[in-house]
Structures are given as C-alpha cells and as structure tokens.
Amino acid sequence: MAKDIIITPADGDIVFDNSSGAECGAITQDGNNLVISNAVGDVLIGDGASDIYIGDGTNNVDILFEQTGNIKAEDGSTGVTLTIGSSDTTLALGSPISSDLTVGVNDTGHDVKFFGATAGSYMLWDQSEDGLQIIHPTGDAGLEVYTVSQGAPNSPQFKVGRASTEYWGVYTEDRTAHLIHRQDETDGDAMNTSFELWGGGSGNDNWVWKHGTNTGGSLATVMTLDKAGLLTVTGTIGSGAITSTGKITGTELEGTSLDINGRADFQAISTSTTGTVVRGGFLNPAAEASMVHIPHIINDLAGFNKWSNSSITVTGLYKTRSGSSGNYTYSNPVAESDFDSGKAFDAHSSTAGSWYSDNGADGSTAGVGVITLEWTNELQYSSWVGIVFGAVSFTPQRVKIEAYQTDDGWQTLCDITDNSENVVLRQITGNSGTGQGTTKLRYTLGGSQNNSYFRIHTLYAANYRAGDNSLNNTSTANTQGVNFLERYKDGYLHGNLYPGADDTYDLGSGTWQWKDAYFDGTVNADALDVDGNADIAGNLSLSGNISASGTLSVSGIDGGTF
C-alpha cells in the first residue's frame, strides 16, 4: 500500500500515513499553535549531517543546532544571551560537562548554589559578597582535601594569603603535619606568626592542645593557655620536654615540687621583692665541672691591685661628664691608680667607680673604653672570666671580653652591642697547660642603659683550681684567690694563715683590738709592747734588756740577781 498524505483544509491538518495506513506524523493546529507530532515514532528535523537554523537568518538571530551537537547563537552574533530553562523549571544535565564553564563575566557575576542531601545544606558562591559559603550537617566535614591514592604531598594543600608567595598553608605527610607561614618579601622587616583567640564573653577563654588515638577519639587535654597567660601542662614534663637556647622569662614558677633529673642551666633566679630562697641541693665548687661562680668566695683576681707583677691599663674611660645633651664633654680620665682601693677585686658589694665612655656630645653615641689586666703566670685549663656591674640601669650597652693566650694571642669571648645584663660571664675555649694558658684579659665597655655612666662592681676569673693559683709569680704563701672565713661566729682554720705581703699588714689595731690570744708554741716578734700585766707561769729567758717606765715587781729571781 502506498504512503498517503491527507490534507484536511477545514481543520488545517496535514496527516502522514505509513504504508500500513497508520498515522506516523501530523502537522496540526492547536488554537494559534502549530504542532508537529508522531504517534508511532520520533520526530526528526534534519538529516543528521547538516546544521539546523531556527529564524529567518536576517531580521532575528538564528539559533543554530549544529550536527556536532552544539546549540548556540549564529556565529558573529554579539550581545546575545542564550537562556535554557527558567525560574519556574528545572534544568537537568544528563551527562558530564566536558568543557570550561564560565558563569557571568568580569565585574558581573551570578550566585551559584549546590544543594546537599540534607535539608539546609549547600555550597553557595555569593556574587554580592564575593565569597564561598559551605553549610553542612553537624559532625560532617564541610571541606575535605586529599591527595590521589593517599600520596604524600610536599607542598601546601591549602593556602590562604595575599599571593602565591605570601600565604599561610598546611599539608600532611605520612607522620608529619606542616603549618607554613611563607613570606617572600625581602625588605628585611621581621616576620610574625600570630595565633589569635577572640573571646566575646566574660568566660575563661583558652587555647587548648589535645592528644588522642589514631581514630580521632579518646582526646585528652595536655596543655592549656588561658587568657590570663597561665600555661597549664597536664602530666609529666619529661627529659628534653622544654629546651631553650635563650631565656624563659616570667614572674613566677609555682608548684609543690620541681624535680630536675638532668642538666638545668639558669641565667637567673630572682624575685622582685622577697628574694630567692634555695633549700637543699649542692652548689658545685669544682671549677673544671661547671662550678657555681661566687666571686665573694673565690676569685682568682682577688687583690689584683696589690700584686707586684701585674698591671692595669685603662684608656677611653672618664670619671666626669659635664654639659647637657648635645653639648657634653668628658674629663678626668680613669687611670690605674683608680683601682688602688681594690673594690673591683675584693668581696665587698661596692663599685670601683661610676665611669663614662666618650658617648659624644649627644650622650647617646656609643663610644668605648678599654681595661686591660696583665699578669705573669698562666691561668690554665678550664677557665671562666667575667665582669659584674651595678644595677641593670648601671650597665654598659657594649661589652666585649677578650682573653690573651700565650700560643694563640687574643681570643674574643663575647662582643655584645645591646647588653642589659649586670653579669657577663664567659668560658675561655682552647685553654690548656703550660704555653697555652691565659695571661691577659681585656674588657671593652661603652654606652649605658641610663644614657649616663656605668658601674664596675667586680672583675672576675677562676680556673680549674680556683682559689689555689699563683698568677703573680710569687711564693705559694701569696697564692691568689679569696676564701673568706666565718664573720659572726666561731670558726676553725685547718691550715696556715699568711698575709698577702711581708711586713705590711696588721692583725687588729689600737682601736680594734683582739681580746685574748692563745699560743701553744713559740711567738716570734721583732718587738713586744705590753700595756697591762704580764703573767708568766714558766721561765722567762731574755737575750736583751728590759726597759720599764713604771714599777717592775718580781716575786723571785732564779739564777741571778736583779
């Protein structure tokens, strides 16, 4: 049977029948609408090999259905918006998007929203805020970033910052987590990483560090830092847990006990008003094994100003500054004789002098002065040297200490340009035996913390045999070093007591006299003056004359006449 086309003018319909007489397509009118339909098959427009245009190609922009599958406006069209769907319809994309997707144009954007499976959850690019929001269910991660096949990254997986060279980032290796602050600027300014906690209420806001199992459970607080600055560590601080190459500074270390089973190096232990009480323990006196340095007890420079074979050289220090800022002048140079009082080499808490370096007319330019000590015999092996100033406000800003070794010349032990410590102590390195010890010390001092003078309290040295050296090449009876006796109670001396020089020093005075003296041996004296009674229970042997200005009473004379 032939295929028929049936036209019905009264209805305005065109019907296409197949060879079986069944209707396989129709062009009909539905009111003012033209309907193309097929009750038994598809409606095909085009031959599959050619493009299809909708429009007249002249007065309106054609919508082009390319045989490759593209739907677009005709090439050359400008200012055309192709809209698929509407606010009242749902647009479903049934296959992956295989090309770039751009929403909006530069400076004009649109909201893009992706809903999740849970009511109220979504990801929104908010064009008005120029930001991304992720709203997610409680207990679920809002953003997860992992590597392919769990490969270990070597650069940040997450970056936040100003640019690719200025950011804060994070990434994790197999067993190591990295928090990175990168700042590639080269202006020399300091970098700072700030962790900030903003508390809006009056509660005790805390930084809390926790540790848990590999499943993320059983978390336990190990350290808390509260808003008052109190750091609380839960558990034991073990060996090596706190390591510092600088200072641990604070007002108080409080607890029932502090056990240090290893080495502890303290730069200072102090309190502001009540002092520090140390109970128990032991202050190590062995200089070759990190002794506790107490210049009042032992100082191998004790009495240095009295040594016959020593010298003190001073340059660039002054006792007087006159004028005002911008017009200062410096006068009365410090000389060796200014050390004759011995205050820099004794056990008293006194100052050798309040001295200036030449800090220029403005008083703030850090000039320097130099003090050099020289002696005869070497200070050998493990040796420490230093200088003590007055209060912190009376310390110089510049402190340089040098030691002269017989074989190597001058060695710089420290050169501090911003000093604020009133004690500077350093160990001499490379100090050995004969021919390799130290015979000179040089102190370079300048500036001051109070824009004025600084005060020298003590010049100090001690080696492995501290207090038992003879640095001035005299007899062992004049061995230098201070070992002070008890001052306010009885004490016992198990050794000889020698003066620092022969026929020089007195034992007591006419004003400050010893009461009684007891000797179980021979008393040798060049002269004997007795202004009271002399009781002699034994024999009195005289090789010279007896001169008496008063009455001499004798109860008996044995062996001669009187």
Protein backbone atom coordinates (compact mmCIF):
# COMPACT_ATOMS: atom_id res chain seq x y z
CA MET A 1 0.00 0.00 0.00
CA ALA A 2 1.32 3.48 -0.83
CA LYS A 3 2.18 6.12 1.80
CA ASP A 4 -0.56 8.76 1.94
CA ILE A 5 -0.60 12.47 2.82
CA ILE A 6 -4.04 13.56 3.87
CA ILE A 7 -4.80 17.29 3.98
CA THR A 8 -7.94 18.44 5.74
CA PRO A 9 -8.49 22.12 4.93
CA ALA A 10 -11.41 22.54 7.30
CA ASP A 11 -9.20 21.63 10.32
CA GLY A 12 -5.94 22.91 8.90
CA ASP A 13 -4.33 19.46 9.45
CA ILE A 14 -1.79 17.54 7.41
CA VAL A 15 -1.59 13.86 8.26
CA PHE A 16 1.16 11.45 7.12
CA ASP A 17 0.22 7.74 6.86
CA ASN A 18 2.73 4.95 6.51
CA SER A 19 2.38 2.08 4.06
CA SER A 20 0.19 0.23 6.54
CA GLY A 21 -2.25 3.10 6.75
CA ALA A 22 -1.21 4.05 10.25
CA GLU A 23 -0.70 7.72 11.08
CA CYS A 24 3.09 8.27 11.54
CA GLY A 25 3.14 12.05 11.71
CA ALA A 26 0.96 15.10 11.64
CA ILE A 27 1.10 18.83 11.35
CA THR A 28 -1.92 20.19 13.17
CA GLN A 29 -3.26 23.39 14.65
CA ASP A 30 -3.99 23.78 18.37
CA GLY A 31 -5.57 27.15 18.63
CA ASN A 32 -2.85 29.50 17.46
CA ASN A 33 -0.16 26.86 17.89
CA LEU A 34 1.34 24.72 15.16
CA VAL A 35 2.02 21.16 16.37
CA ILE A 36 4.35 18.66 14.75
CA SER A 37 3.83 15.19 16.17
CA ASN A 38 4.35 11.46 15.57
CA ALA A 39 2.16 8.96 17.38
CA VAL A 40 4.28 5.91 16.46
CA GLY A 41 7.89 7.15 16.23
CA ASP A 42 10.33 10.04 16.56
CA VAL A 43 10.15 13.45 15.01
CA LEU A 44 13.39 14.07 13.12
CA ILE A 45 14.45 17.52 11.91
CA GLY A 46 17.39 17.47 9.55
CA ASP A 47 19.36 14.63 8.04
CA GLY A 48 21.91 14.28 10.85
CA ALA A 49 24.68 15.61 8.67
CA SER A 50 23.66 19.24 8.29
CA ASP A 51 23.09 22.17 10.67
CA ILE A 52 19.61 23.35 11.54
CA TYR A 53 18.75 27.04 11.77
CA ILE A 54 15.73 28.48 13.54
CA GLY A 55 14.95 32.02 12.42
CA ASP A 56 14.99 33.83 9.13
CA GLY A 57 18.71 34.44 9.23
CA THR A 58 18.20 38.13 8.58
CA ASN A 59 15.94 40.04 10.94
CA ASN A 60 16.50 37.88 14.03
CA VAL A 61 19.40 35.96 15.47
CA ASP A 62 19.25 32.36 14.39
CA ILE A 63 19.51 29.59 16.99
CA LEU A 64 21.89 27.11 15.48
CA PHE A 65 21.68 23.37 16.18
CA GLU A 66 24.96 22.05 14.83
CA GLN A 67 25.20 18.47 13.71
CA THR A 68 28.12 18.10 16.13
CA GLY A 69 25.68 18.57 18.98
CA ASN A 70 26.32 22.26 19.81
CA ILE A 71 23.42 24.64 20.47
CA LYS A 72 24.41 28.27 20.11
CA ALA A 73 23.63 31.60 18.50
CA GLU A 74 24.81 32.02 14.94
CA ASP A 75 28.50 32.93 14.61
CA GLY A 76 29.03 36.70 14.58
CA SER A 77 26.15 37.44 16.95
CA THR A 78 27.08 39.82 19.75
CA GLY A 79 25.29 40.85 22.91
CA VAL A 80 23.11 37.73 22.76
CA THR A 81 22.06 35.79 25.85
CA LEU A 82 21.10 32.16 25.31
CA THR A 83 18.77 31.10 28.12
CA ILE A 84 17.95 27.45 28.78
CA GLY A 85 15.24 26.90 31.37
CA SER A 86 13.65 29.45 33.70
CA SER A 87 12.99 30.14 37.34
CA ASP A 88 9.85 28.01 37.04
CA THR A 89 11.56 25.00 35.51
CA THR A 90 14.29 22.53 36.40
CA LEU A 91 17.26 22.16 34.11
CA ALA A 92 18.83 18.71 34.24
CA LEU A 93 22.20 17.98 32.60
CA GLY A 94 22.28 14.28 31.93
CA SER A 95 25.98 13.86 31.13
CA PRO A 96 29.33 15.31 32.33
CA ILE A 97 30.30 18.83 31.28
CA SER A 98 33.38 18.26 29.12
CA SER A 99 34.44 21.86 28.56
CA ASP A 100 35.17 25.03 30.57
CA LEU A 101 32.18 26.55 32.35
CA THR A 102 32.04 30.30 32.96
CA VAL A 103 29.26 31.92 34.94
CA GLY A 104 28.95 35.65 34.38
CA VAL A 105 31.62 37.97 33.05
CA ASN A 106 34.38 40.03 34.67
CA ASP A 107 32.87 42.51 37.17
CA THR A 108 29.39 40.99 36.78
CA GLY A 109 28.75 37.66 38.48
CA HIS A 110 25.86 35.41 39.49
CA ASP A 111 25.06 33.29 42.50
CA VAL A 112 25.88 29.60 42.05
CA LYS A 113 24.33 27.23 44.58
CA PHE A 114 24.78 23.48 45.05
CA PHE A 115 22.39 21.70 47.42
CA GLY A 116 23.32 18.69 49.54
CA ALA A 117 21.28 15.64 50.53
CA THR A 118 20.46 17.07 53.97
CA ALA A 119 17.86 19.80 54.23
CA GLY A 120 19.51 23.19 54.64
CA SER A 121 22.95 22.09 53.48
CA TYR A 122 24.51 23.75 50.45
CA MET A 123 27.54 25.37 48.90
CA LEU A 124 26.98 28.90 47.66
CA TRP A 125 29.12 31.23 45.64
CA ASP A 126 27.59 34.54 46.70
CA GLN A 127 28.40 37.04 43.98
CA SER A 128 27.35 40.03 46.09
CA GLU A 129 29.77 39.00 48.88
CA ASP A 130 32.45 37.72 46.50
CA GLY A 131 32.80 34.69 48.74
CA LEU A 132 32.10 30.98 49.12
CA GLN A 133 29.83 29.59 51.86
CA ILE A 134 29.61 25.93 52.89
CA ILE A 135 26.69 24.98 55.13
CA HIS A 136 26.97 21.37 56.26
CA PRO A 137 25.42 18.97 58.80
CA THR A 138 26.81 18.88 62.32
CA GLY A 139 29.52 16.24 62.67
CA ASP A 140 30.43 16.22 58.98
CA ALA A 141 33.40 17.93 57.40
CA GLY A 142 32.49 20.95 55.32
CA LEU A 143 35.65 20.71 53.20
CA GLU A 144 37.97 17.75 52.67
CA VAL A 145 41.22 17.92 50.69
CA TYR A 146 43.17 14.71 49.99
CA THR A 147 45.78 13.54 47.51
CA VAL A 148 45.26 10.91 44.84
CA SER A 149 45.94 7.38 46.14
CA GLN A 150 46.93 8.82 49.52
CA GLY A 151 50.21 10.09 48.09
CA ALA A 152 52.32 12.20 50.47
CA PRO A 153 52.38 15.88 49.37
CA ASN A 154 55.46 18.07 49.68
CA SER A 155 53.75 21.45 49.38
CA PRO A 156 50.69 23.06 50.98
CA GLN A 157 47.35 21.51 50.04
CA PHE A 158 45.55 24.52 51.46
CA LYS A 159 46.71 28.13 51.12
CA VAL A 160 45.32 31.40 52.47
CA GLY A 161 47.10 34.67 51.89
CA ARG A 162 47.81 37.66 49.66
CA ALA A 163 49.62 35.90 46.85
CA SER A 164 51.32 32.63 45.91
CA THR A 165 54.45 33.87 47.69
CA GLU A 166 52.72 35.24 50.78
CA TYR A 167 50.40 32.79 52.49
CA TRP A 168 49.62 30.52 55.41
CA GLY A 169 49.37 26.88 54.41
CA VAL A 170 49.00 23.34 55.68
CA TYR A 171 49.81 19.85 54.45
CA THR A 172 50.44 16.41 55.95
CA GLU A 173 53.00 13.76 55.13
CA ASP A 174 52.87 10.18 56.39
CA ARG A 175 53.54 11.08 60.02
CA THR A 176 54.24 14.79 59.94
CA ALA A 177 51.87 17.74 59.75
CA HIS A 178 53.17 21.06 58.45
CA LEU A 179 51.82 24.52 59.25
CA ILE A 180 53.55 27.03 57.00
CA HIS A 181 53.88 30.79 57.08
CA ARG A 182 55.51 31.89 53.84
CA GLN A 183 56.56 35.49 53.24
CA ASP A 184 58.94 36.05 50.33
CA GLU A 185 59.38 39.77 50.92
CA THR A 186 62.98 40.95 51.08
CA ASP A 187 62.70 44.31 52.86
CA GLY A 188 64.37 42.96 55.98
CA ASP A 189 61.45 43.51 58.34
CA ALA A 190 60.72 40.83 60.90
CA MET A 191 58.13 38.13 60.19
CA ASN A 192 55.50 37.31 62.79
CA THR A 193 53.05 34.40 63.01
CA SER A 194 50.15 35.31 65.28
CA PHE A 195 47.64 32.82 66.71
CA GLU A 196 44.69 34.83 67.96
CA LEU A 197 41.71 33.85 70.12
CA TRP A 198 38.82 36.31 70.10
CA GLY A 199 36.50 35.73 73.04
CA GLY A 200 33.24 37.60 73.02
CA GLY A 201 32.15 36.78 76.53
CA SER A 202 33.43 37.07 80.06
CA GLY A 203 34.28 33.37 80.37
CA ASN A 204 37.72 31.83 80.72
CA ASP A 205 38.73 31.56 77.07
CA ASN A 206 41.60 29.11 76.49
CA TRP A 207 43.97 27.79 73.91
CA VAL A 208 43.74 24.02 74.34
CA TRP A 209 46.09 21.37 72.93
CA LYS A 210 44.77 17.78 72.91
CA HIS A 211 46.17 14.40 72.03
CA GLY A 212 44.19 11.31 71.03
CA THR A 213 44.22 7.96 69.31
CA ASN A 214 44.75 7.30 65.60
CA THR A 215 40.97 7.17 65.14
CA GLY A 216 40.49 10.67 66.47
CA GLY A 217 38.86 9.53 69.68
CA SER A 218 39.84 9.48 73.37
CA LEU A 219 41.17 13.01 73.23
CA ALA A 220 42.92 14.24 76.35
CA THR A 221 43.97 17.81 77.14
CA VAL A 222 47.73 18.02 77.51
CA MET A 223 48.29 21.77 77.60
CA THR A 224 46.10 24.84 78.17
CA LEU A 225 46.92 28.52 77.83
CA ASP A 226 44.23 30.74 79.33
CA LYS A 227 43.53 34.38 78.61
CA ALA A 228 45.43 35.47 81.73
CA GLY A 229 48.61 33.99 80.29
CA LEU A 230 48.67 30.92 82.56
CA LEU A 231 50.08 27.83 80.86
CA THR A 232 48.92 24.53 82.36
CA VAL A 233 50.62 21.28 81.40
CA THR A 234 48.79 18.08 82.29
CA GLY A 235 51.07 15.19 83.13
CA THR A 236 54.84 14.98 83.44
CA ILE A 237 57.32 17.27 81.76
CA GLY A 238 59.94 14.71 80.86
CA SER A 239 63.59 14.95 79.97
CA GLY A 240 64.12 17.21 76.98
CA ALA A 241 60.49 18.40 77.00
CA ILE A 242 61.45 22.04 77.47
CA THR A 243 64.54 23.23 75.62
CA SER A 244 65.61 26.83 75.34
CA THR A 245 68.68 28.49 73.88
CA GLY A 246 67.58 31.81 75.29
CA LYS A 247 65.54 32.76 78.34
CA ILE A 248 62.37 31.56 79.97
CA THR A 249 61.11 34.81 81.47
CA GLY A 250 58.20 35.20 83.85
CA THR A 251 57.15 36.37 87.25
CA GLU A 252 56.53 33.08 88.99
CA LEU A 253 57.14 29.34 88.77
CA GLU A 254 54.77 27.80 91.24
CA GLY A 255 54.12 24.26 92.38
CA THR A 256 54.57 21.83 95.21
CA SER A 257 57.81 20.48 93.79
CA LEU A 258 60.13 20.80 90.84
CA ASP A 259 62.27 17.77 90.06
CA ILE A 260 65.09 18.24 87.55
CA ASN A 261 66.84 14.94 86.95
CA GLY A 262 69.08 16.20 84.20
CA ARG A 263 71.02 19.33 83.49
CA ALA A 264 69.45 22.70 84.16
CA ASP A 265 71.15 25.91 83.03
CA PHE A 266 69.74 29.02 84.75
CA GLN A 267 70.61 32.52 83.58
CA ALA A 268 68.82 33.99 86.55
CA ILE A 269 66.66 33.02 89.51
CA SER A 270 65.10 36.06 91.06
CA THR A 271 62.05 37.62 92.58
CA SER A 272 61.19 41.28 92.71
CA THR A 273 60.82 41.92 96.44
CA THR A 274 61.26 38.92 98.74
CA GLY A 275 64.44 37.43 97.29
CA THR A 276 65.02 33.80 96.44
CA VAL A 277 65.36 31.02 99.00
CA VAL A 278 67.15 27.87 97.84
CA ARG A 279 66.78 24.87 100.13
CA GLY A 280 68.67 21.64 99.88
CA GLY A 281 70.81 20.84 96.90
CA PHE A 282 74.51 21.46 96.45
CA LEU A 283 76.47 24.29 94.84
CA ASN A 284 79.20 22.66 92.80
CA PRO A 285 82.65 24.08 93.80
CA ALA A 286 84.66 22.19 91.14
CA ALA A 287 85.67 24.74 88.53
CA GLU A 288 86.52 22.07 85.95
CA ALA A 289 83.00 20.66 86.28
CA SER A 290 80.80 23.74 85.83
CA MET A 291 81.23 25.28 89.26
CA VAL A 292 78.83 27.78 90.78
CA HIS A 293 80.62 31.11 90.46
CA ILE A 294 80.53 33.21 93.64
CA PRO A 295 83.15 35.99 93.41
CA HIS A 296 82.67 36.80 97.11
CA ILE A 297 84.06 33.33 97.94
CA ILE A 298 86.59 32.59 95.22
CA ASN A 299 88.09 34.96 92.66
CA ASP A 300 91.50 34.28 91.15
CA LEU A 301 91.83 38.04 90.55
CA ALA A 302 91.29 38.84 94.25
CA GLY A 303 93.74 41.51 95.38
CA PHE A 304 94.94 42.06 91.81
CA ASN A 305 95.75 45.71 92.53
CA LYS A 306 98.22 44.54 95.24
CA TRP A 307 100.17 42.14 93.06
CA SER A 308 103.77 43.12 92.45
CA ASN A 309 103.95 41.55 88.99
CA SER A 310 100.68 42.73 87.46
CA SER A 311 99.43 45.77 85.57
CA ILE A 312 96.16 47.55 84.87
CA THR A 313 95.87 49.71 81.74
CA VAL A 314 92.86 51.95 81.15
CA THR A 315 92.02 54.02 78.06
CA GLY A 316 88.90 55.86 76.94
CA LEU A 317 87.04 55.94 80.28
CA TYR A 318 86.23 59.11 82.21
CA LYS A 319 85.09 59.97 85.72
CA THR A 320 83.33 63.21 84.81
CA ARG A 321 80.80 64.35 82.22
CA SER A 322 79.65 67.96 82.11
CA GLY A 323 77.24 69.97 80.00
CA SER A 324 73.90 68.87 78.61
CA SER A 325 72.59 66.77 75.73
CA GLY A 326 74.11 67.99 72.50
CA ASN A 327 76.96 69.69 74.36
CA TYR A 328 78.51 67.02 76.61
CA THR A 329 82.23 66.99 77.36
CA TYR A 330 84.20 64.23 79.13
CA SER A 331 87.13 64.75 81.51
CA ASN A 332 89.17 63.18 84.37
CA PRO A 333 90.36 60.02 82.58
CA VAL A 334 90.28 56.81 84.62
CA ALA A 335 93.79 55.65 85.48
CA GLU A 336 95.38 52.55 87.01
CA SER A 337 95.55 54.34 90.36
CA ASP A 338 91.73 54.45 90.46
CA PHE A 339 91.85 50.71 91.16
CA ASP A 340 94.09 51.12 94.22
CA SER A 341 91.07 50.87 96.50
CA GLY A 342 90.76 47.29 95.32
CA LYS A 343 86.96 47.47 95.10
CA ALA A 344 86.95 45.66 91.76
CA PHE A 345 89.00 42.82 93.30
CA ASP A 346 87.56 42.34 96.78
CA ALA A 347 84.50 40.68 98.27
CA HIS A 348 82.58 43.84 99.11
CA SER A 349 79.42 44.94 97.34
CA SER A 350 80.95 48.19 96.24
CA THR A 351 81.81 49.82 92.95
CA ALA A 352 85.21 50.67 91.58
CA GLY A 353 83.71 53.80 90.10
CA SER A 354 80.85 55.35 88.14
CA TRP A 355 82.52 55.90 84.79
CA TYR A 356 81.67 57.12 81.29
CA SER A 357 82.81 56.14 77.87
CA ASP A 358 83.01 59.04 75.44
CA ASN A 359 79.44 58.85 74.12
CA GLY A 360 79.72 62.01 72.07
CA ALA A 361 78.15 65.41 72.51
CA ASP A 362 74.63 63.93 72.46
CA GLY A 363 75.45 61.36 75.13
CA SER A 364 73.92 58.51 73.12
CA THR A 365 76.69 57.71 70.64
CA ALA A 366 78.25 54.50 71.95
CA GLY A 367 81.91 55.25 72.42
CA VAL A 368 84.13 52.68 74.14
CA GLY A 369 86.81 52.46 76.78
CA VAL A 370 89.23 49.60 77.44
CA ILE A 371 90.52 47.98 80.65
CA THR A 372 93.42 45.55 80.27
CA LEU A 373 94.68 43.25 83.04
CA GLU A 374 98.06 41.53 82.66
CA TRP A 375 99.87 39.12 84.98
CA THR A 376 102.87 36.75 84.89
CA ASN A 377 101.83 33.13 85.32
CA GLU A 378 99.25 31.46 83.06
CA LEU A 379 95.66 30.87 84.03
CA GLN A 380 95.43 27.32 82.69
CA TYR A 381 92.90 24.71 81.54
CA SER A 382 89.18 25.12 82.26
CA SER A 383 88.81 28.85 82.96
CA TRP A 384 85.98 31.35 83.30
CA VAL A 385 86.24 35.12 83.24
CA GLY A 386 83.68 37.87 83.57
CA ILE A 387 82.62 41.24 84.81
CA VAL A 388 79.91 42.33 87.26
CA PHE A 389 78.22 45.72 87.03
CA GLY A 390 75.89 47.51 89.40
CA ALA A 391 72.12 47.51 88.93
CA VAL A 392 70.78 46.83 85.44
CA SER A 393 70.34 50.57 84.94
CA PHE A 394 74.10 51.00 85.51
CA THR A 395 75.27 48.56 82.83
CA PRO A 396 77.06 49.44 79.58
CA GLN A 397 75.42 48.58 76.27
CA ARG A 398 78.68 47.43 74.69
CA VAL A 399 80.53 44.61 76.45
CA LYS A 400 83.43 42.86 74.76
CA ILE A 401 85.62 40.40 76.67
CA GLU A 402 88.90 39.08 75.24
CA ALA A 403 91.46 36.64 76.66
CA TYR A 404 95.13 36.57 75.63
CA GLN A 405 96.52 33.05 75.30
CA THR A 406 100.26 32.51 75.11
CA ASP A 407 100.10 30.42 71.93
CA ASP A 408 97.12 31.97 70.11
CA GLY A 409 97.04 35.64 71.05
CA TRP A 410 93.76 37.47 71.69
CA GLN A 411 90.54 35.44 71.67
CA THR A 412 87.13 37.19 71.61
CA LEU A 413 84.87 35.55 74.18
CA CYS A 414 81.88 37.83 73.53
CA ASP A 415 81.05 41.11 71.82
CA ILE A 416 77.64 42.33 72.93
CA THR A 417 76.23 45.56 71.50
CA ASP A 418 72.85 45.59 73.28
CA ASN A 419 73.76 44.35 76.75
CA SER A 420 71.19 44.64 79.54
CA GLU A 421 72.67 42.12 82.00
CA ASN A 422 74.63 43.15 85.08
CA VAL A 423 76.69 39.92 84.94
CA VAL A 424 78.59 38.84 81.83
CA LEU A 425 80.42 35.51 82.26
CA ARG A 426 82.22 33.52 79.57
CA GLN A 427 84.44 30.43 79.39
CA ILE A 428 87.82 30.62 77.67
CA THR A 429 87.98 27.96 74.95
CA GLY A 430 91.21 26.24 73.94
CA ASN A 431 92.84 27.00 77.30
CA SER A 432 95.39 24.28 78.11
CA GLY A 433 98.62 23.73 80.07
CA THR A 434 101.98 25.44 80.03
CA GLY A 435 102.41 27.62 76.96
CA GLN A 436 98.68 27.57 76.17
CA GLY A 437 97.15 29.42 79.11
CA THR A 438 95.87 32.98 79.61
CA THR A 439 97.95 35.91 80.88
CA LYS A 440 95.79 38.91 79.90
CA LEU A 441 92.16 39.98 79.96
CA ARG A 442 90.74 42.90 78.02
CA TYR A 443 87.33 44.49 78.67
CA THR A 444 85.88 46.88 76.06
CA LEU A 445 82.95 48.86 77.53
CA GLY A 446 80.76 51.61 76.11
CA GLY A 447 77.41 53.35 76.26
CA SER A 448 74.98 52.88 79.12
CA GLN A 449 71.42 51.82 79.82
CA ASN A 450 70.56 55.10 81.53
CA ASN A 451 72.27 57.36 78.97
CA SER A 452 74.78 58.18 81.68
CA TYR A 453 77.52 56.20 83.42
CA PHE A 454 78.06 52.53 84.24
CA ARG A 455 79.44 50.99 87.41
CA ILE A 456 82.05 48.22 87.63
CA HIS A 457 81.47 46.01 90.65
CA THR A 458 83.83 43.03 90.14
CA LEU A 459 86.44 41.84 87.66
CA TYR A 460 86.48 38.05 87.85
CA ALA A 461 88.43 34.95 86.84
CA ALA A 462 88.52 31.34 88.03
CA ASN A 463 90.17 28.26 86.57
CA TYR A 464 90.01 24.56 87.40
CA ARG A 465 91.97 25.08 90.65
CA ALA A 466 90.13 28.26 91.57
CA GLY A 467 91.47 29.91 94.71
CA ASP A 468 94.74 27.97 94.58
CA ASN A 469 96.74 29.73 91.87
CA SER A 470 99.85 31.86 91.99
CA LEU A 471 99.33 34.15 88.99
CA ASN A 472 101.72 36.92 90.11
CA ASN A 473 104.84 34.72 90.21
CA THR A 474 105.33 34.90 93.97
CA SER A 475 105.58 32.20 96.61
CA THR A 476 102.73 29.86 97.33
CA ALA A 477 102.15 31.79 100.53
CA ASN A 478 100.83 34.56 98.31
CA THR A 479 98.59 32.30 96.20
CA GLN A 480 95.81 34.42 94.87
CA GLY A 481 92.14 33.76 95.38
CA VAL A 482 89.68 34.55 98.12
CA ASN A 483 88.39 32.10 100.69
CA PHE A 484 86.59 34.09 103.39
CA LEU A 485 86.17 32.86 106.97
CA GLU A 486 83.03 32.95 109.09
CA ARG A 487 82.28 36.51 110.19
CA TYR A 488 79.79 36.28 113.00
CA LYS A 489 80.52 33.01 114.79
CA ASP A 490 83.40 30.79 115.86
CA GLY A 491 85.26 29.05 113.10
CA TYR A 492 88.14 26.64 112.85
CA LEU A 493 91.07 27.01 110.48
CA HIS A 494 92.87 23.84 109.42
CA GLY A 495 95.75 25.48 107.67
CA ASN A 496 98.26 28.29 107.84
CA LEU A 497 97.22 31.94 107.64
CA TYR A 498 99.57 34.23 105.71
CA PRO A 499 99.45 37.95 104.99
CA GLY A 500 99.34 38.99 101.36
CA ALA A 501 102.72 40.73 101.69
CA ASP A 502 105.60 40.54 104.18
CA ASP A 503 105.80 43.12 106.97
CA THR A 504 102.84 45.07 105.54
CA TYR A 505 99.52 44.27 107.25
CA ASP A 506 98.38 44.45 110.90
CA LEU A 507 96.33 41.99 112.92
CA GLY A 508 93.95 44.35 114.71
CA SER A 509 94.70 47.98 115.62
CA GLY A 510 94.94 50.30 118.59
CA THR A 511 91.22 50.95 118.20
CA TRP A 512 90.09 47.48 117.15
CA GLN A 513 91.93 45.01 119.36
CA TRP A 514 91.69 41.24 119.72
CA LYS A 515 90.82 40.27 123.31
CA ASP A 516 92.83 37.18 124.18
CA ALA A 517 95.39 35.19 122.23
CA TYR A 518 96.45 31.63 122.95
CA PHE A 519 99.56 30.00 121.53
CA ASP A 520 100.91 26.54 122.27
CA GLY A 521 104.22 27.22 120.65
CA THR A 522 106.73 29.93 120.03
CA VAL A 523 105.70 33.52 119.47
CA ASN A 524 108.26 35.37 117.41
CA ALA A 525 108.07 39.16 117.36
CA ASP A 526 110.51 41.91 116.48
CA ALA A 527 109.07 43.94 119.37
CA LEU A 528 106.68 43.35 122.25
CA ASP A 529 104.70 46.16 123.85
CA VAL A 530 102.65 45.25 126.95
CA ASP A 531 100.48 47.99 128.40
CA GLY A 532 98.95 45.76 131.10
CA ASN A 533 100.06 42.93 133.35
CA ALA A 534 102.20 40.11 132.03
CA ASP A 535 101.67 36.77 133.78
CA ILE A 536 104.36 34.21 133.05
CA ALA A 537 103.86 30.75 134.56
CA GLY A 538 107.13 29.38 133.30
CA ASN A 539 110.62 30.61 132.80
CA LEU A 540 111.36 33.90 131.07
CA SER A 541 114.52 33.94 129.05
CA LEU A 542 115.81 37.24 127.76
CA SER A 543 118.68 37.89 125.44
CA GLY A 544 118.33 41.65 125.62
CA ASN A 545 117.41 44.40 128.02
CA ILE A 546 114.18 45.05 129.84
CA SER A 547 113.04 48.67 129.84
CA ALA A 548 110.27 49.62 132.22
CA SER A 549 108.77 53.09 132.71
CA GLY A 550 106.86 52.08 135.78
CA THR A 551 107.23 49.69 138.65
CA LEU A 552 108.52 46.21 137.96
CA SER A 553 107.54 43.74 140.71
CA VAL A 554 109.24 40.35 140.83
CA SER A 555 108.35 37.71 143.43
CA GLY A 556 111.54 35.78 142.97
CA ILE A 557 114.70 35.67 140.97
CA ASP A 558 116.14 32.37 139.88
CA GLY A 559 119.73 32.08 138.86
CA GLY A 560 120.93 35.56 139.20
CA THR A 561 120.45 38.97 140.65
CA PHE A 562 118.05 41.70 139.87
